[in-house]
């Protein structure tokens, strides 16, 4: 994902959204992958390739947002399970 002047806020936005993953492993994996992808494409100069990387980053950002939202809908830490004592 290239650091382009056309999309300067993609990197921090992706990191910010990734920090909302409820599971530690998902959170750290996403942050590590995002940082690595941006670091690896820092030297890209071809405008067509930059635009391709920016479009890919936008799709990944939307995927992160969906996954965070789905994780919040089905979060297990918010479930309250009442256990009933058997009647004797």
PDB file of N, CA and C in Angstrom:
ATOM      1  N   UNK A   1       0.853  -1.149   0.000  1.00  0.00           N
ATOM      2  CA  UNK A   1       0.000   0.000   0.000  1.00  0.00           C
ATOM      3  C   UNK A   1       0.905   1.220   0.000  1.00  0.00           C
ATOM      4  N   UNK A   2       0.849   1.957  -1.019  1.00  0.00           N
ATOM      5  CA  UNK A   2       1.760   3.086  -1.163  1.00  0.00           C
ATOM      6  C   UNK A   2       1.296   4.281  -0.356  1.00  0.00           C
ATOM      7  N   UNK A   3       2.265   5.002   0.145  1.00  0.00           N
ATOM      8  CA  UNK A   3       1.963   6.257   0.840  1.00  0.00           C
ATOM      9  C   UNK A   3       1.837   7.322  -0.235  1.00  0.00           C
ATOM     10  N   UNK A   4       0.650   7.567  -0.669  1.00  0.00           N
ATOM     11  CA  UNK A   4       0.399   8.481  -1.769  1.00  0.00           C
ATOM     12  C   UNK A   4      -0.178   9.782  -1.248  1.00  0.00           C
ATOM     13  N   UNK A   5       0.112  10.870  -1.946  1.00  0.00           N
ATOM     14  CA  UNK A   5      -0.443  12.164  -1.546  1.00  0.00           C
ATOM     15  C   UNK A   5      -1.951  12.191  -1.767  1.00  0.00           C
ATOM     16  N   UNK A   6      -2.450  11.271  -2.595  1.00  0.00           N
ATOM     17  CA  UNK A   6      -3.887  11.217  -2.852  1.00  0.00           C
ATOM     18  C   UNK A   6      -4.645  10.541  -1.739  1.00  0.00           C
ATOM     19  N   UNK A   7      -3.943   9.772  -0.926  1.00  0.00           N
ATOM     20  CA  UNK A   7      -4.619   9.059   0.149  1.00  0.00           C
ATOM     21  C   UNK A   7      -3.733   9.052   1.405  1.00  0.00           C
ATOM     22  N   UNK A   8      -3.430  10.218   1.943  1.00  0.00           N
ATOM     23  CA  UNK A   8      -2.507  10.255   3.085  1.00  0.00           C
ATOM     24  C   UNK A   8      -3.097   9.692   4.364  1.00  0.00           C
ATOM     25  N   UNK A   9      -4.397   9.590   4.442  1.00  0.00           N
ATOM     26  CA  UNK A   9      -5.023   9.151   5.684  1.00  0.00           C
ATOM     27  C   UNK A   9      -5.335   7.656   5.716  1.00  0.00           C
ATOM     28  N   UNK A  10      -5.009   6.910   4.684  1.00  0.00           N
ATOM     29  CA  UNK A  10      -5.321   5.484   4.663  1.00  0.00           C
ATOM     30  C   UNK A  10      -4.560   4.716   5.734  1.00  0.00           C
ATOM     31  N   UNK A  11      -3.284   4.966   5.860  1.00  0.00           N
ATOM     32  CA  UNK A  11      -2.465   4.229   6.831  1.00  0.00           C
ATOM     33  C   UNK A  11      -2.956   4.435   8.260  1.00  0.00           C
ATOM     34  N   UNK A  12      -3.069   5.679   8.745  1.00  0.00           N
ATOM     35  CA  UNK A  12      -3.555   5.836  10.126  1.00  0.00           C
ATOM     36  C   UNK A  12      -4.993   5.356  10.314  1.00  0.00           C
ATOM     37  N   UNK A  13      -5.810   5.479   9.284  1.00  0.00           N
ATOM     38  CA  UNK A  13      -7.195   5.023   9.377  1.00  0.00           C
ATOM     39  C   UNK A  13      -7.260   3.499   9.506  1.00  0.00           C
ATOM     40  N   UNK A  14      -6.418   2.806   8.756  1.00  0.00           N
ATOM     41  CA  UNK A  14      -6.379   1.350   8.843  1.00  0.00           C
ATOM     42  C   UNK A  14      -5.886   0.909  10.224  1.00  0.00           C
ATOM     43  N   UNK A  15      -4.860   1.578  10.730  1.00  0.00           N
ATOM     44  CA  UNK A  15      -4.352   1.235  12.065  1.00  0.00           C
ATOM     45  C   UNK A  15      -5.394   1.518  13.137  1.00  0.00           C
ATOM     46  N   UNK A  16      -6.051   2.654  13.031  1.00  0.00           N
ATOM     47  CA  UNK A  16      -7.069   3.037  14.013  1.00  0.00           C
ATOM     48  C   UNK A  16      -8.204   2.018  14.047  1.00  0.00           C
ATOM     49  N   UNK A  17      -8.666   1.608  12.873  1.00  0.00           N
ATOM     50  CA  UNK A  17      -9.758   0.633  12.814  1.00  0.00           C
ATOM     51  C   UNK A  17      -9.307  -0.749  13.291  1.00  0.00           C
ATOM     52  N   UNK A  18      -8.071  -1.116  13.007  1.00  0.00           N
ATOM     53  CA  UNK A  18      -7.561  -2.419  13.427  1.00  0.00           C
ATOM     54  C   UNK A  18      -7.460  -2.525  14.934  1.00  0.00           C
ATOM     55  N   UNK A  19      -7.288  -1.426  15.608  1.00  0.00           N
ATOM     56  CA  UNK A  19      -7.185  -1.442  17.069  1.00  0.00           C
ATOM     57  C   UNK A  19      -8.517  -1.762  17.734  1.00  0.00           C
ATOM     58  N   UNK A  20      -9.589  -1.824  16.957  1.00  0.00           N
ATOM     59  CA  UNK A  20     -10.907  -2.136  17.508  1.00  0.00           C
ATOM     60  C   UNK A  20     -11.248  -3.628  17.444  1.00  0.00           C
ATOM     61  N   UNK A  21     -10.333  -4.438  16.886  1.00  0.00           N
ATOM     62  CA  UNK A  21     -10.567  -5.884  16.917  1.00  0.00           C
ATOM     63  C   UNK A  21     -10.613  -6.319  18.373  1.00  0.00           C
ATOM     64  N   UNK A  22     -11.581  -7.142  18.703  1.00  0.00           N
ATOM     65  CA  UNK A  22     -11.738  -7.538  20.100  1.00  0.00           C
ATOM     66  C   UNK A  22     -10.697  -8.556  20.541  1.00  0.00           C
ATOM     67  N   UNK A  23     -10.185  -9.329  19.620  1.00  0.00           N
ATOM     68  CA  UNK A  23      -9.214 -10.361  19.957  1.00  0.00           C
ATOM     69  C   UNK A  23      -7.793  -9.839  19.762  1.00  0.00           C
ATOM     70  N   UNK A  24      -6.961 -10.061  20.768  1.00  0.00           N
ATOM     71  CA  UNK A  24      -5.580  -9.592  20.737  1.00  0.00           C
ATOM     72  C   UNK A  24      -4.834 -10.110  19.506  1.00  0.00           C
ATOM     73  N   UNK A  25      -5.000 -11.386  19.173  1.00  0.00           N
ATOM     74  CA  UNK A  25      -4.279 -11.959  18.037  1.00  0.00           C
ATOM     75  C   UNK A  25      -4.673 -11.304  16.720  1.00  0.00           C
ATOM     76  N   UNK A  26      -5.956 -11.069  16.498  1.00  0.00           N
ATOM     77  CA  UNK A  26      -6.399 -10.390  15.274  1.00  0.00           C
ATOM     78  C   UNK A  26      -5.842  -8.974  15.221  1.00  0.00           C
ATOM     79  N   UNK A  27      -5.907  -8.302  16.352  1.00  0.00           N
ATOM     80  CA  UNK A  27      -5.459  -6.913  16.431  1.00  0.00           C
ATOM     81  C   UNK A  27      -3.975  -6.800  16.072  1.00  0.00           C
ATOM     82  N   UNK A  28      -3.130  -7.598  16.715  1.00  0.00           N
ATOM     83  CA  UNK A  28      -1.691  -7.499  16.460  1.00  0.00           C
ATOM     84  C   UNK A  28      -1.333  -7.981  15.058  1.00  0.00           C
ATOM     85  N   UNK A  29      -2.019  -9.001  14.568  1.00  0.00           N
ATOM     86  CA  UNK A  29      -1.767  -9.487  13.212  1.00  0.00           C
ATOM     87  C   UNK A  29      -2.092  -8.410  12.180  1.00  0.00           C
ATOM     88  N   UNK A  30      -3.244  -7.770  12.332  1.00  0.00           N
ATOM     89  CA  UNK A  30      -3.653  -6.737  11.377  1.00  0.00           C
ATOM     90  C   UNK A  30      -2.681  -5.560  11.393  1.00  0.00           C
ATOM     91  N   UNK A  31      -2.297  -5.122  12.568  1.00  0.00           N
ATOM     92  CA  UNK A  31      -1.380  -3.982  12.668  1.00  0.00           C
ATOM     93  C   UNK A  31      -0.027  -4.335  12.051  1.00  0.00           C
ATOM     94  N   UNK A  32       0.455  -5.544  12.323  1.00  0.00           N
ATOM     95  CA  UNK A  32       1.738  -5.973  11.765  1.00  0.00           C
ATOM     96  C   UNK A  32       1.679  -6.065  10.245  1.00  0.00           C
ATOM     97  N   UNK A  33       0.589  -6.617   9.705  1.00  0.00           N
ATOM     98  CA  UNK A  33       0.465  -6.741   8.246  1.00  0.00           C
ATOM     99  C   UNK A  33       0.332  -5.388   7.559  1.00  0.00           C
ATOM    100  N   UNK A  34      -0.427  -4.482   8.165  1.00  0.00           N
ATOM    101  CA  UNK A  34      -0.604  -3.148   7.580  1.00  0.00           C
ATOM    102  C   UNK A  34       0.725  -2.404   7.545  1.00  0.00           C
ATOM    103  N   UNK A  35       1.433  -2.422   8.669  1.00  0.00           N
ATOM    104  CA  UNK A  35       2.729  -1.732   8.737  1.00  0.00           C
ATOM    105  C   UNK A  35       3.711  -2.309   7.728  1.00  0.00           C
ATOM    106  N   UNK A  36       3.756  -3.627   7.637  1.00  0.00           N
ATOM    107  CA  UNK A  36       4.661  -4.270   6.692  1.00  0.00           C
ATOM    108  C   UNK A  36       4.323  -3.960   5.243  1.00  0.00           C
ATOM    109  N   UNK A  37       3.046  -3.935   4.925  1.00  0.00           N
ATOM    110  CA  UNK A  37       2.629  -3.655   3.547  1.00  0.00           C
ATOM    111  C   UNK A  37       2.975  -2.226   3.145  1.00  0.00           C
ATOM    112  N   UNK A  38       2.737  -1.284   4.035  1.00  0.00           N
ATOM    113  CA  UNK A  38       3.058   0.103   3.711  1.00  0.00           C
ATOM    114  C   UNK A  38       4.568   0.315   3.649  1.00  0.00           C
ATOM    115  N   UNK A  39       5.301  -0.309   4.561  1.00  0.00           N
ATOM    116  CA  UNK A  39       6.750  -0.186   4.563  1.00  0.00           C
ATOM    117  C   UNK A  39       7.335  -0.791   3.290  1.00  0.00           C
ATOM    118  N   UNK A  40       6.788  -1.913   2.846  1.00  0.00           N
ATOM    119  CA  UNK A  40       7.293  -2.596   1.657  1.00  0.00           C
ATOM    120  C   UNK A  40       7.021  -1.861   0.365  1.00  0.00           C
ATOM    121  N   UNK A  41       5.994  -1.044   0.342  1.00  0.00           N
ATOM    122  CA  UNK A  41       5.655  -0.338  -0.900  1.00  0.00           C
ATOM    123  C   UNK A  41       6.033   1.139  -0.846  1.00  0.00           C
ATOM    124  N   UNK A  42       6.856   1.497   0.104  1.00  0.00           N
ATOM    125  CA  UNK A  42       7.250   2.898   0.262  1.00  0.00           C
ATOM    126  C   UNK A  42       8.033   3.426  -0.944  1.00  0.00           C
ATOM    127  N   UNK A  43       8.779   2.548  -1.612  1.00  0.00           N
ATOM    128  CA  UNK A  43       9.656   2.976  -2.703  1.00  0.00           C
ATOM    129  C   UNK A  43       9.005   2.893  -4.077  1.00  0.00           C
ATOM    130  N   UNK A  44       7.735   2.593  -4.150  1.00  0.00           N
ATOM    131  CA  UNK A  44       7.039   2.483  -5.435  1.00  0.00           C
ATOM    132  C   UNK A  44       6.894   3.873  -6.041  1.00  0.00           C
ATOM    133  N   UNK A  45       7.305   4.009  -7.313  1.00  0.00           N
ATOM    134  CA  UNK A  45       7.257   5.314  -7.997  1.00  0.00           C
ATOM    135  C   UNK A  45       6.260   5.354  -9.158  1.00  0.00           C
ATOM    136  N   UNK A  46       5.910   4.202  -9.697  1.00  0.00           N
ATOM    137  CA  UNK A  46       5.013   4.127 -10.849  1.00  0.00           C
ATOM    138  C   UNK A  46       3.601   4.555 -10.434  1.00  0.00           C
ATOM    139  N   UNK A  47       3.058   5.623 -11.073  1.00  0.00           N
ATOM    140  CA  UNK A  47       1.730   6.124 -10.681  1.00  0.00           C
ATOM    141  C   UNK A  47       0.611   5.092 -10.822  1.00  0.00           C
ATOM    142  N   UNK A  48       0.707   4.252 -11.826  1.00  0.00           N
ATOM    143  CA  UNK A  48      -0.327   3.231 -12.024  1.00  0.00           C
ATOM    144  C   UNK A  48      -0.269   2.217 -10.887  1.00  0.00           C
ATOM    145  N   UNK A  49       0.918   1.804 -10.523  1.00  0.00           N
ATOM    146  CA  UNK A  49       1.062   0.849  -9.425  1.00  0.00           C
ATOM    147  C   UNK A  49       0.662   1.480  -8.093  1.00  0.00           C
ATOM    148  N   UNK A  50       0.982   2.752  -7.929  1.00  0.00           N
ATOM    149  CA  UNK A  50       0.570   3.455  -6.705  1.00  0.00           C
ATOM    150  C   UNK A  50      -0.945   3.475  -6.591  1.00  0.00           C
ATOM    151  N   UNK A  51      -1.614   3.788  -7.698  1.00  0.00           N
ATOM    152  CA  UNK A  51      -3.073   3.825  -7.676  1.00  0.00           C
ATOM    153  C   UNK A  51      -3.661   2.448  -7.394  1.00  0.00           C
ATOM    154  N   UNK A  52      -3.044   1.412  -7.945  1.00  0.00           N
ATOM    155  CA  UNK A  52      -3.483   0.045  -7.678  1.00  0.00           C
ATOM    156  C   UNK A  52      -3.348  -0.273  -6.189  1.00  0.00           C
ATOM    157  N   UNK A  53      -2.231   0.124  -5.590  1.00  0.00           N
ATOM    158  CA  UNK A  53      -2.010  -0.122  -4.169  1.00  0.00           C
ATOM    159  C   UNK A  53      -2.975   0.679  -3.291  1.00  0.00           C
ATOM    160  N   UNK A  54      -3.269   1.908  -3.706  1.00  0.00           N
ATOM    161  CA  UNK A  54      -4.220   2.731  -2.955  1.00  0.00           C
ATOM    162  C   UNK A  54      -5.613   2.099  -3.006  1.00  0.00           C
ATOM    163  N   UNK A  55      -6.015   1.632  -4.183  1.00  0.00           N
ATOM    164  CA  UNK A  55      -7.313   0.969  -4.313  1.00  0.00           C
ATOM    165  C   UNK A  55      -7.375  -0.300  -3.465  1.00  0.00           C
ATOM    166  N   UNK A  56      -6.284  -1.045  -3.442  1.00  0.00           N
ATOM    167  CA  UNK A  56      -6.228  -2.254  -2.620  1.00  0.00           C
ATOM    168  C   UNK A  56      -6.334  -1.893  -1.140  1.00  0.00           C
ATOM    169  N   UNK A  57      -5.652  -0.833  -0.738  1.00  0.00           N
ATOM    170  CA  UNK A  57      -5.711  -0.396   0.666  1.00  0.00           C
ATOM    171  C   UNK A  57      -7.125   0.025   1.051  1.00  0.00           C
ATOM    172  N   UNK A  58      -7.840   0.665   0.137  1.00  0.00           N
ATOM    173  CA  UNK A  58      -9.227   1.067   0.414  1.00  0.00           C
ATOM    174  C   UNK A  58     -10.112  -0.159   0.603  1.00  0.00           C
ATOM    175  N   UNK A  59      -9.907  -1.180  -0.238  1.00  0.00           N
ATOM    176  CA  UNK A  59     -10.686  -2.419  -0.095  1.00  0.00           C
ATOM    177  C   UNK A  59     -10.370  -3.121   1.226  1.00  0.00           C
ATOM    178  N   UNK A  60      -9.096  -3.126   1.594  1.00  0.00           N
ATOM    179  CA  UNK A  60      -8.702  -3.756   2.852  1.00  0.00           C
ATOM    180  C   UNK A  60      -9.288  -2.990   4.031  1.00  0.00           C
ATOM    181  N   UNK A  61      -9.302  -1.660   3.950  1.00  0.00           N
ATOM    182  CA  UNK A  61      -9.891  -0.850   5.019  1.00  0.00           C
ATOM    183  C   UNK A  61     -11.363  -1.178   5.197  1.00  0.00           C
ATOM    184  N   UNK A  62     -12.097  -1.308   4.108  1.00  0.00           N
ATOM    185  CA  UNK A  62     -13.508  -1.678   4.201  1.00  0.00           C
ATOM    186  C   UNK A  62     -13.675  -3.072   4.799  1.00  0.00           C
ATOM    187  N   UNK A  63     -12.778  -3.996   4.445  1.00  0.00           N
ATOM    188  CA  UNK A  63     -12.832  -5.336   5.005  1.00  0.00           C
ATOM    189  C   UNK A  63     -12.571  -5.303   6.511  1.00  0.00           C
ATOM    190  N   UNK A  64     -11.610  -4.497   6.933  1.00  0.00           N
ATOM    191  CA  UNK A  64     -11.324  -4.365   8.367  1.00  0.00           C
ATOM    192  C   UNK A  64     -12.541  -3.815   9.094  1.00  0.00           C
ATOM    193  N   UNK A  65     -13.158  -2.790   8.528  1.00  0.00           N
ATOM    194  CA  UNK A  65     -14.346  -2.210   9.165  1.00  0.00           C
ATOM    195  C   UNK A  65     -15.461  -3.232   9.305  1.00  0.00           C
ATOM    196  N   UNK A  66     -15.682  -4.031   8.242  1.00  0.00           N
ATOM    197  CA  UNK A  66     -16.720  -5.066   8.308  1.00  0.00           C
ATOM    198  C   UNK A  66     -16.396  -6.099   9.367  1.00  0.00           C
ATOM    199  N   UNK A  67     -15.154  -6.545   9.410  1.00  0.00           N
ATOM    200  CA  UNK A  67     -14.766  -7.574  10.371  1.00  0.00           C
ATOM    201  C   UNK A  67     -14.878  -7.070  11.808  1.00  0.00           C
ATOM    202  N   UNK A  68     -14.490  -5.824  12.038  1.00  0.00           N
ATOM    203  CA  UNK A  68     -14.612  -5.255  13.383  1.00  0.00           C
ATOM    204  C   UNK A  68     -16.087  -5.184  13.767  1.00  0.00           C
ATOM    205  N   UNK A  69     -16.919  -4.748  12.835  1.00  0.00           N
ATOM    206  CA  UNK A  69     -18.348  -4.643  13.113  1.00  0.00           C
ATOM    207  C   UNK A  69     -18.949  -6.018  13.411  1.00  0.00           C
ATOM    208  N   UNK A  70     -18.595  -7.012  12.609  1.00  0.00           N
ATOM    209  CA  UNK A  70     -19.104  -8.356  12.841  1.00  0.00           C
ATOM    210  C   UNK A  70     -18.615  -8.903  14.185  1.00  0.00           C
ATOM    211  N   UNK A  71     -17.381  -8.618  14.520  1.00  0.00           N
ATOM    212  CA  UNK A  71     -16.845  -9.061  15.794  1.00  0.00           C
ATOM    213  C   UNK A  71     -17.571  -8.436  16.971  1.00  0.00           C
ATOM    214  N   UNK A  72     -17.998  -7.188  16.806  1.00  0.00           N
ATOM    215  CA  UNK A  72     -18.735  -6.516  17.869  1.00  0.00           C
ATOM    216  C   UNK A  72     -20.154  -7.064  17.991  1.00  0.00           C
ATOM    217  N   UNK A  73     -20.738  -7.472  16.880  1.00  0.00           N
ATOM    218  CA  UNK A  73     -22.084  -8.039  16.925  1.00  0.00           C
ATOM    219  C   UNK A  73     -22.111  -9.367  17.667  1.00  0.00           C
ATOM    220  N   UNK A  74     -21.077 -10.163  17.469  1.00  0.00           N
ATOM    221  CA  UNK A  74     -21.050 -11.491  18.047  1.00  0.00           C
ATOM    222  C   UNK A  74     -20.007 -11.624  19.153  1.00  0.00           C
ATOM    223  N   UNK A  75     -19.737 -10.553  19.817  1.00  0.00           N
ATOM    224  CA  UNK A  75     -18.744 -10.559  20.883  1.00  0.00           C
ATOM    225  C   UNK A  75     -19.207 -11.442  22.036  1.00  0.00           C
ATOM    226  N   UNK A  76     -18.330 -12.311  22.476  1.00  0.00           N
ATOM    227  CA  UNK A  76     -18.686 -13.230  23.554  1.00  0.00           C
ATOM    228  C   UNK A  76     -18.550 -12.587  24.927  1.00  0.00           C
ATOM    229  N   UNK A  77     -17.781 -11.519  25.039  1.00  0.00           N
ATOM    230  CA  UNK A  77     -17.619 -10.900  26.352  1.00  0.00           C
ATOM    231  C   UNK A  77     -18.853 -10.113  26.771  1.00  0.00           C
ATOM    232  N   UNK A  78     -19.772  -9.878  25.854  1.00  0.00           N
ATOM    233  CA  UNK A  78     -20.986  -9.146  26.186  1.00  0.00           C
ATOM    234  C   UNK A  78     -22.169 -10.071  26.471  1.00  0.00           C
ATOM    235  N   UNK A  79     -21.976 -11.354  26.220  1.00  0.00           N
ATOM    236  CA  UNK A  79     -23.061 -12.300  26.455  1.00  0.00           C
ATOM    237  C   UNK A  79     -23.196 -12.574  27.944  1.00  0.00           C
ATOM    238  N   UNK A  80     -24.399 -12.578  28.380  1.00  0.00           N
ATOM    239  CA  UNK A  80     -24.669 -12.918  29.773  1.00  0.00           C
ATOM    240  C   UNK A  80     -25.467 -14.209  29.748  1.00  0.00           C
ATOM    241  N   UNK A  81     -24.848 -15.219  30.251  1.00  0.00           N
ATOM    242  CA  UNK A  81     -25.503 -16.524  30.270  1.00  0.00           C
ATOM    243  C   UNK A  81     -25.904 -16.808  31.711  1.00  0.00           C
ATOM    244  N   UNK A  82     -27.166 -16.934  31.897  1.00  0.00           N
ATOM    245  CA  UNK A  82     -27.658 -17.211  33.236  1.00  0.00           C
ATOM    246  C   UNK A  82     -27.735 -18.715  33.420  1.00  0.00           C
ATOM    247  N   UNK A  83     -27.170 -19.149  34.499  1.00  0.00           N
ATOM    248  CA  UNK A  83     -27.261 -20.560  34.807  1.00  0.00           C
ATOM    249  C   UNK A  83     -28.317 -20.733  35.875  1.00  0.00           C
ATOM    250  N   UNK A  84     -29.145 -21.686  35.649  1.00  0.00           N
ATOM    251  CA  UNK A  84     -30.211 -21.955  36.607  1.00  0.00           C
ATOM    252  C   UNK A  84     -29.848 -23.163  37.449  1.00  0.00           C
ATOM    253  N   UNK A  85     -30.135 -23.053  38.709  1.00  0.00           N
ATOM    254  CA  UNK A  85     -29.913 -24.180  39.597  1.00  0.00           C
ATOM    255  C   UNK A  85     -31.044 -25.178  39.377  1.00  0.00           C
ATOM    256  N   UNK A  86     -30.668 -26.428  39.284  1.00  0.00           N
ATOM    257  CA  UNK A  86     -31.734 -27.421  39.111  1.00  0.00           C
ATOM    258  C   UNK A  86     -32.600 -27.483  40.362  1.00  0.00           C
ATOM    259  N   UNK A  87     -33.855 -27.574  40.130  1.00  0.00           N
ATOM    260  CA  UNK A  87     -34.795 -27.629  41.251  1.00  0.00           C
ATOM    261  C   UNK A  87     -34.777 -29.023  41.874  1.00  0.00           C
ATOM    262  N   UNK A  88     -34.632 -29.062  43.153  1.00  0.00           N
ATOM    263  CA  UNK A  88     -34.613 -30.361  43.845  1.00  0.00           C
ATOM    264  C   UNK A  88     -35.671 -30.444  44.909  1.00  0.00           C
TER     265      UNK A  88
END
